[in-house]
């Protein structure tokens, strides 16, 4: 009888459990990608530097205590606790929230002030989970194969599709206009 109860209890527990690793994900399989980067605005339209991430997974990601760095390990922005990134949601991190919201008043999902800016030449954008594991990294440049129009002319760097390898410059394009923070990229190529 005890053995039967143990088996039934084990089955009930197994049926009631679900895989929540992705929902509370820490690590490379999180589905969060660096999707757009504004690193050198034009003089006539300058919201200061910002980075957009995108949740390409079908799970809600708890990003509390994740952090963003550039090339300098001393430059750290910690994402506030209870920050949830829903499936297909975009989230922007900006150097100066006042300047950013003045030029992009319709963007509601953003955090700042980062406390550091990005280099106008080449730099890293690195996203780490709460355990300090690297989730995503982009090392952009202002030379080919990276889009040179994103260097001070107004456009941003936009990933052509979230499924593409964002470490490769050829998978990025210069945005139309001044970028699309918090929304689908202007150069979005559709399903890959």
C-alpha atoms as a PDB file:
ATOM      1  CA  UNK A   1       0.000   0.000   0.000  1.00  0.00           C
ATOM      2  CA  UNK A   2       2.792   2.428   0.910  1.00  0.00           C
ATOM      3  CA  UNK A   3       4.547   1.709  -2.372  1.00  0.00           C
ATOM      4  CA  UNK A   4       1.338   2.361  -4.333  1.00  0.00           C
ATOM      5  CA  UNK A   5       0.803   5.671  -2.512  1.00  0.00           C
ATOM      6  CA  UNK A   6       4.385   6.710  -3.221  1.00  0.00           C
ATOM      7  CA  UNK A   7       3.991   5.923  -6.909  1.00  0.00           C
ATOM      8  CA  UNK A   8       0.684   7.811  -7.131  1.00  0.00           C
ATOM      9  CA  UNK A   9       2.166  10.784  -5.266  1.00  0.00           C
ATOM     10  CA  UNK A  10       5.194  10.811  -7.561  1.00  0.00           C
ATOM     11  CA  UNK A  11       2.959  10.720 -10.651  1.00  0.00           C
ATOM     12  CA  UNK A  12       0.807  13.572  -9.359  1.00  0.00           C
ATOM     13  CA  UNK A  13       3.887  15.654  -8.639  1.00  0.00           C
ATOM     14  CA  UNK A  14       5.357  14.950 -12.077  1.00  0.00           C
ATOM     15  CA  UNK A  15       2.105  15.873 -13.814  1.00  0.00           C
ATOM     16  CA  UNK A  16       1.754  19.048 -11.793  1.00  0.00           C
ATOM     17  CA  UNK A  17       5.268  20.228 -12.519  1.00  0.00           C
ATOM     18  CA  UNK A  18       6.174  22.182 -15.592  1.00  0.00           C
ATOM     19  CA  UNK A  19       9.480  23.258 -17.013  1.00  0.00           C
ATOM     20  CA  UNK A  20       9.973  26.815 -15.785  1.00  0.00           C
ATOM     21  CA  UNK A  21      13.629  27.103 -16.690  1.00  0.00           C
ATOM     22  CA  UNK A  22      12.951  29.372 -19.640  1.00  0.00           C
ATOM     23  CA  UNK A  23      10.546  31.512 -17.635  1.00  0.00           C
ATOM     24  CA  UNK A  24      13.162  32.126 -14.984  1.00  0.00           C
ATOM     25  CA  UNK A  25      15.955  31.615 -17.416  1.00  0.00           C
ATOM     26  CA  UNK A  26      19.500  32.484 -16.722  1.00  0.00           C
ATOM     27  CA  UNK A  27      21.855  31.863 -19.598  1.00  0.00           C
ATOM     28  CA  UNK A  28      22.212  31.607 -23.341  1.00  0.00           C
ATOM     29  CA  UNK A  29      18.907  29.852 -23.996  1.00  0.00           C
ATOM     30  CA  UNK A  30      16.904  32.709 -22.525  1.00  0.00           C
ATOM     31  CA  UNK A  31      15.706  33.936 -25.921  1.00  0.00           C
ATOM     32  CA  UNK A  32      16.673  37.529 -25.147  1.00  0.00           C
ATOM     33  CA  UNK A  33      18.615  39.224 -27.941  1.00  0.00           C
ATOM     34  CA  UNK A  34      20.260  42.599 -28.355  1.00  0.00           C
ATOM     35  CA  UNK A  35      18.162  43.890 -31.233  1.00  0.00           C
ATOM     36  CA  UNK A  36      18.931  47.585 -31.811  1.00  0.00           C
ATOM     37  CA  UNK A  37      21.746  49.942 -30.814  1.00  0.00           C
ATOM     38  CA  UNK A  38      21.957  53.730 -30.965  1.00  0.00           C
ATOM     39  CA  UNK A  39      25.597  54.576 -30.301  1.00  0.00           C
ATOM     40  CA  UNK A  40      26.238  57.859 -32.144  1.00  0.00           C
ATOM     41  CA  UNK A  41      23.219  60.068 -32.753  1.00  0.00           C
ATOM     42  CA  UNK A  42      23.069  62.890 -35.246  1.00  0.00           C
ATOM     43  CA  UNK A  43      23.568  66.410 -33.890  1.00  0.00           C
ATOM     44  CA  UNK A  44      20.027  67.375 -34.936  1.00  0.00           C
ATOM     45  CA  UNK A  45      18.299  64.407 -33.241  1.00  0.00           C
ATOM     46  CA  UNK A  46      20.159  63.231 -30.156  1.00  0.00           C
ATOM     47  CA  UNK A  47      18.334  61.062 -27.605  1.00  0.00           C
ATOM     48  CA  UNK A  48      21.787  59.929 -26.379  1.00  0.00           C
ATOM     49  CA  UNK A  49      22.823  56.281 -26.462  1.00  0.00           C
ATOM     50  CA  UNK A  50      20.315  53.465 -26.054  1.00  0.00           C
ATOM     51  CA  UNK A  51      20.088  49.706 -26.511  1.00  0.00           C
ATOM     52  CA  UNK A  52      16.984  47.655 -27.234  1.00  0.00           C
ATOM     53  CA  UNK A  53      16.555  44.014 -26.295  1.00  0.00           C
ATOM     54  CA  UNK A  54      13.860  41.656 -27.522  1.00  0.00           C
ATOM     55  CA  UNK A  55      12.339  38.484 -26.064  1.00  0.00           C
ATOM     56  CA  UNK A  56      12.209  36.072 -28.991  1.00  0.00           C
ATOM     57  CA  UNK A  57      11.014  33.196 -26.805  1.00  0.00           C
ATOM     58  CA  UNK A  58       7.474  32.162 -25.920  1.00  0.00           C
ATOM     59  CA  UNK A  59       8.225  32.546 -22.198  1.00  0.00           C
ATOM     60  CA  UNK A  60       8.144  35.463 -19.802  1.00  0.00           C
ATOM     61  CA  UNK A  61      11.689  36.225 -18.667  1.00  0.00           C
ATOM     62  CA  UNK A  62      12.379  37.520 -15.158  1.00  0.00           C
ATOM     63  CA  UNK A  63      15.212  39.989 -15.789  1.00  0.00           C
ATOM     64  CA  UNK A  64      15.490  41.300 -12.237  1.00  0.00           C
ATOM     65  CA  UNK A  65      19.162  41.692 -11.273  1.00  0.00           C
ATOM     66  CA  UNK A  66      20.370  41.030 -14.815  1.00  0.00           C
ATOM     67  CA  UNK A  67      22.891  43.638 -15.913  1.00  0.00           C
ATOM     68  CA  UNK A  68      24.252  45.430 -18.950  1.00  0.00           C
ATOM     69  CA  UNK A  69      27.864  46.369 -19.574  1.00  0.00           C
ATOM     70  CA  UNK A  70      29.801  47.901 -22.396  1.00  0.00           C
ATOM     71  CA  UNK A  71      33.467  47.083 -23.052  1.00  0.00           C
ATOM     72  CA  UNK A  72      34.462  48.463 -19.641  1.00  0.00           C
ATOM     73  CA  UNK A  73      33.699  46.036 -16.796  1.00  0.00           C
ATOM     74  CA  UNK A  74      33.275  49.009 -14.434  1.00  0.00           C
ATOM     75  CA  UNK A  75      30.312  50.246 -16.501  1.00  0.00           C
ATOM     76  CA  UNK A  76      27.389  48.282 -15.078  1.00  0.00           C
ATOM     77  CA  UNK A  77      23.652  48.927 -15.159  1.00  0.00           C
ATOM     78  CA  UNK A  78      21.638  46.520 -13.001  1.00  0.00           C
ATOM     79  CA  UNK A  79      18.108  45.850 -14.190  1.00  0.00           C
ATOM     80  CA  UNK A  80      15.587  46.476 -11.386  1.00  0.00           C
ATOM     81  CA  UNK A  81      13.980  43.583  -9.530  1.00  0.00           C
ATOM     82  CA  UNK A  82      10.593  42.401 -10.798  1.00  0.00           C
ATOM     83  CA  UNK A  83      11.389  43.397 -14.383  1.00  0.00           C
ATOM     84  CA  UNK A  84       9.515  40.944 -16.572  1.00  0.00           C
ATOM     85  CA  UNK A  85      10.077  40.709 -20.315  1.00  0.00           C
ATOM     86  CA  UNK A  86       7.026  39.167 -21.960  1.00  0.00           C
ATOM     87  CA  UNK A  87       7.170  37.093 -25.140  1.00  0.00           C
ATOM     88  CA  UNK A  88       7.701  39.309 -28.210  1.00  0.00           C
ATOM     89  CA  UNK A  89       8.296  42.333 -25.974  1.00  0.00           C
ATOM     90  CA  UNK A  90      10.972  44.965 -26.481  1.00  0.00           C
ATOM     91  CA  UNK A  91      12.772  46.780 -23.677  1.00  0.00           C
ATOM     92  CA  UNK A  92      15.031  49.812 -24.090  1.00  0.00           C
ATOM     93  CA  UNK A  93      17.924  50.858 -21.862  1.00  0.00           C
ATOM     94  CA  UNK A  94      18.957  54.471 -22.307  1.00  0.00           C
ATOM     95  CA  UNK A  95      21.832  56.615 -21.138  1.00  0.00           C
ATOM     96  CA  UNK A  96      19.614  59.636 -20.449  1.00  0.00           C
ATOM     97  CA  UNK A  97      15.903  59.001 -19.870  1.00  0.00           C
ATOM     98  CA  UNK A  98      14.949  62.687 -20.129  1.00  0.00           C
ATOM     99  CA  UNK A  99      16.559  63.120 -23.538  1.00  0.00           C
ATOM    100  CA  UNK A 100      15.265  59.752 -24.703  1.00  0.00           C
ATOM    101  CA  UNK A 101      11.633  60.334 -23.696  1.00  0.00           C
ATOM    102  CA  UNK A 102      11.658  63.867 -25.100  1.00  0.00           C
ATOM    103  CA  UNK A 103      12.361  62.433 -28.556  1.00  0.00           C
ATOM    104  CA  UNK A 104      10.553  59.091 -28.189  1.00  0.00           C
ATOM    105  CA  UNK A 105       7.515  59.946 -26.008  1.00  0.00           C
ATOM    106  CA  UNK A 106       5.516  56.903 -27.146  1.00  0.00           C
ATOM    107  CA  UNK A 107       8.047  54.362 -25.861  1.00  0.00           C
ATOM    108  CA  UNK A 108       6.853  53.111 -22.479  1.00  0.00           C
ATOM    109  CA  UNK A 109       9.122  50.113 -21.828  1.00  0.00           C
ATOM    110  CA  UNK A 110      12.487  51.640 -20.966  1.00  0.00           C
ATOM    111  CA  UNK A 111      14.978  51.917 -18.117  1.00  0.00           C
ATOM    112  CA  UNK A 112      17.827  54.313 -17.415  1.00  0.00           C
ATOM    113  CA  UNK A 113      19.915  56.200 -16.674  1.00  0.00           C
ATOM    114  CA  UNK A 114      22.655  53.742 -17.566  1.00  0.00           C
ATOM    115  CA  UNK A 115      25.465  55.757 -15.996  1.00  0.00           C
ATOM    116  CA  UNK A 116      27.661  55.248 -19.056  1.00  0.00           C
ATOM    117  CA  UNK A 117      27.503  55.780 -22.801  1.00  0.00           C
ATOM    118  CA  UNK A 118      28.625  53.768 -25.791  1.00  0.00           C
ATOM    119  CA  UNK A 119      31.659  54.548 -27.904  1.00  0.00           C
ATOM    120  CA  UNK A 120      31.071  56.374 -31.169  1.00  0.00           C
ATOM    121  CA  UNK A 121      33.527  54.026 -32.875  1.00  0.00           C
ATOM    122  CA  UNK A 122      33.452  50.448 -31.699  1.00  0.00           C
ATOM    123  CA  UNK A 123      32.315  48.991 -28.411  1.00  0.00           C
ATOM    124  CA  UNK A 124      30.632  46.013 -26.794  1.00  0.00           C
ATOM    125  CA  UNK A 125      27.079  45.711 -25.529  1.00  0.00           C
ATOM    126  CA  UNK A 126      26.888  42.780 -23.115  1.00  0.00           C
ATOM    127  CA  UNK A 127      23.857  41.374 -21.322  1.00  0.00           C
ATOM    128  CA  UNK A 128      24.356  39.146 -18.273  1.00  0.00           C
ATOM    129  CA  UNK A 129      21.834  37.209 -16.224  1.00  0.00           C
ATOM    130  CA  UNK A 130      21.533  37.475 -12.439  1.00  0.00           C
ATOM    131  CA  UNK A 131      24.187  34.760 -12.007  1.00  0.00           C
ATOM    132  CA  UNK A 132      26.708  36.718 -14.052  1.00  0.00           C
ATOM    133  CA  UNK A 133      26.445  34.430 -17.084  1.00  0.00           C
ATOM    134  CA  UNK A 134      26.690  36.100 -20.480  1.00  0.00           C
ATOM    135  CA  UNK A 135      23.299  35.947 -22.224  1.00  0.00           C
ATOM    136  CA  UNK A 136      24.105  38.001 -25.334  1.00  0.00           C
ATOM    137  CA  UNK A 137      26.894  40.185 -26.645  1.00  0.00           C
ATOM    138  CA  UNK A 138      27.380  42.427 -29.649  1.00  0.00           C
ATOM    139  CA  UNK A 139      30.722  43.953 -30.574  1.00  0.00           C
ATOM    140  CA  UNK A 140      29.711  46.637 -33.064  1.00  0.00           C
ATOM    141  CA  UNK A 141      31.995  48.804 -35.182  1.00  0.00           C
ATOM    142  CA  UNK A 142      31.704  51.862 -37.393  1.00  0.00           C
ATOM    143  CA  UNK A 143      33.539  50.133 -40.257  1.00  0.00           C
ATOM    144  CA  UNK A 144      32.252  47.590 -42.766  1.00  0.00           C
ATOM    145  CA  UNK A 145      30.678  45.098 -42.598  1.00  0.00           C
ATOM    146  CA  UNK A 146      28.830  47.137 -39.952  1.00  0.00           C
ATOM    147  CA  UNK A 147      26.447  49.779 -41.379  1.00  0.00           C
ATOM    148  CA  UNK A 148      28.372  53.059 -41.412  1.00  0.00           C
ATOM    149  CA  UNK A 149      25.238  55.242 -41.617  1.00  0.00           C
ATOM    150  CA  UNK A 150      24.560  54.430 -37.953  1.00  0.00           C
ATOM    151  CA  UNK A 151      27.678  56.404 -37.010  1.00  0.00           C
ATOM    152  CA  UNK A 152      26.441  59.959 -36.460  1.00  0.00           C
ATOM    153  CA  UNK A 153      24.024  60.266 -39.392  1.00  0.00           C
ATOM    154  CA  UNK A 154      20.820  59.560 -37.456  1.00  0.00           C
ATOM    155  CA  UNK A 155      20.033  55.894 -38.128  1.00  0.00           C
ATOM    156  CA  UNK A 156      20.592  53.194 -35.531  1.00  0.00           C
ATOM    157  CA  UNK A 157      21.982  49.694 -35.882  1.00  0.00           C
ATOM    158  CA  UNK A 158      19.054  47.315 -36.370  1.00  0.00           C
ATOM    159  CA  UNK A 159      19.298  43.538 -36.381  1.00  0.00           C
ATOM    160  CA  UNK A 160      17.682  42.299 -39.604  1.00  0.00           C
ATOM    161  CA  UNK A 161      15.875  39.513 -37.753  1.00  0.00           C
ATOM    162  CA  UNK A 162      16.052  38.339 -34.102  1.00  0.00           C
ATOM    163  CA  UNK A 163      16.961  34.801 -35.185  1.00  0.00           C
ATOM    164  CA  UNK A 164      20.147  35.928 -36.945  1.00  0.00           C
ATOM    165  CA  UNK A 165      23.613  35.855 -35.391  1.00  0.00           C
ATOM    166  CA  UNK A 166      23.894  39.358 -33.963  1.00  0.00           C
ATOM    167  CA  UNK A 167      27.677  39.076 -33.619  1.00  0.00           C
ATOM    168  CA  UNK A 168      28.041  39.435 -37.399  1.00  0.00           C
ATOM    169  CA  UNK A 169      27.974  42.930 -38.902  1.00  0.00           C
ATOM    170  CA  UNK A 170      26.366  41.716 -42.118  1.00  0.00           C
ATOM    171  CA  UNK A 171      23.225  40.781 -40.130  1.00  0.00           C
ATOM    172  CA  UNK A 172      22.678  44.418 -39.153  1.00  0.00           C
ATOM    173  CA  UNK A 173      21.393  47.369 -41.188  1.00  0.00           C
ATOM    174  CA  UNK A 174      21.081  51.092 -40.683  1.00  0.00           C
ATOM    175  CA  UNK A 175      17.538  51.927 -39.598  1.00  0.00           C
ATOM    176  CA  UNK A 176      15.138  54.095 -41.483  1.00  0.00           C
ATOM    177  CA  UNK A 177      14.815  57.467 -39.766  1.00  0.00           C
ATOM    178  CA  UNK A 178      16.048  57.552 -36.187  1.00  0.00           C
ATOM    179  CA  UNK A 179      15.354  53.954 -35.257  1.00  0.00           C
ATOM    180  CA  UNK A 180      12.438  52.079 -33.763  1.00  0.00           C
ATOM    181  CA  UNK A 181      12.980  51.787 -30.007  1.00  0.00           C
ATOM    182  CA  UNK A 182      10.372  49.535 -28.415  1.00  0.00           C
ATOM    183  CA  UNK A 183       9.022  48.292 -31.749  1.00  0.00           C
ATOM    184  CA  UNK A 184       9.750  45.990 -34.691  1.00  0.00           C
ATOM    185  CA  UNK A 185      12.854  47.122 -36.557  1.00  0.00           C
ATOM    186  CA  UNK A 186      12.353  49.127 -39.748  1.00  0.00           C
ATOM    187  CA  UNK A 187      14.624  46.669 -41.590  1.00  0.00           C
ATOM    188  CA  UNK A 188      12.892  43.549 -40.232  1.00  0.00           C
ATOM    189  CA  UNK A 189      13.214  40.817 -42.851  1.00  0.00           C
ATOM    190  CA  UNK A 190      10.320  38.648 -41.657  1.00  0.00           C
ATOM    191  CA  UNK A 191      10.540  35.018 -40.624  1.00  0.00           C
ATOM    192  CA  UNK A 192      13.941  33.473 -41.233  1.00  0.00           C
END
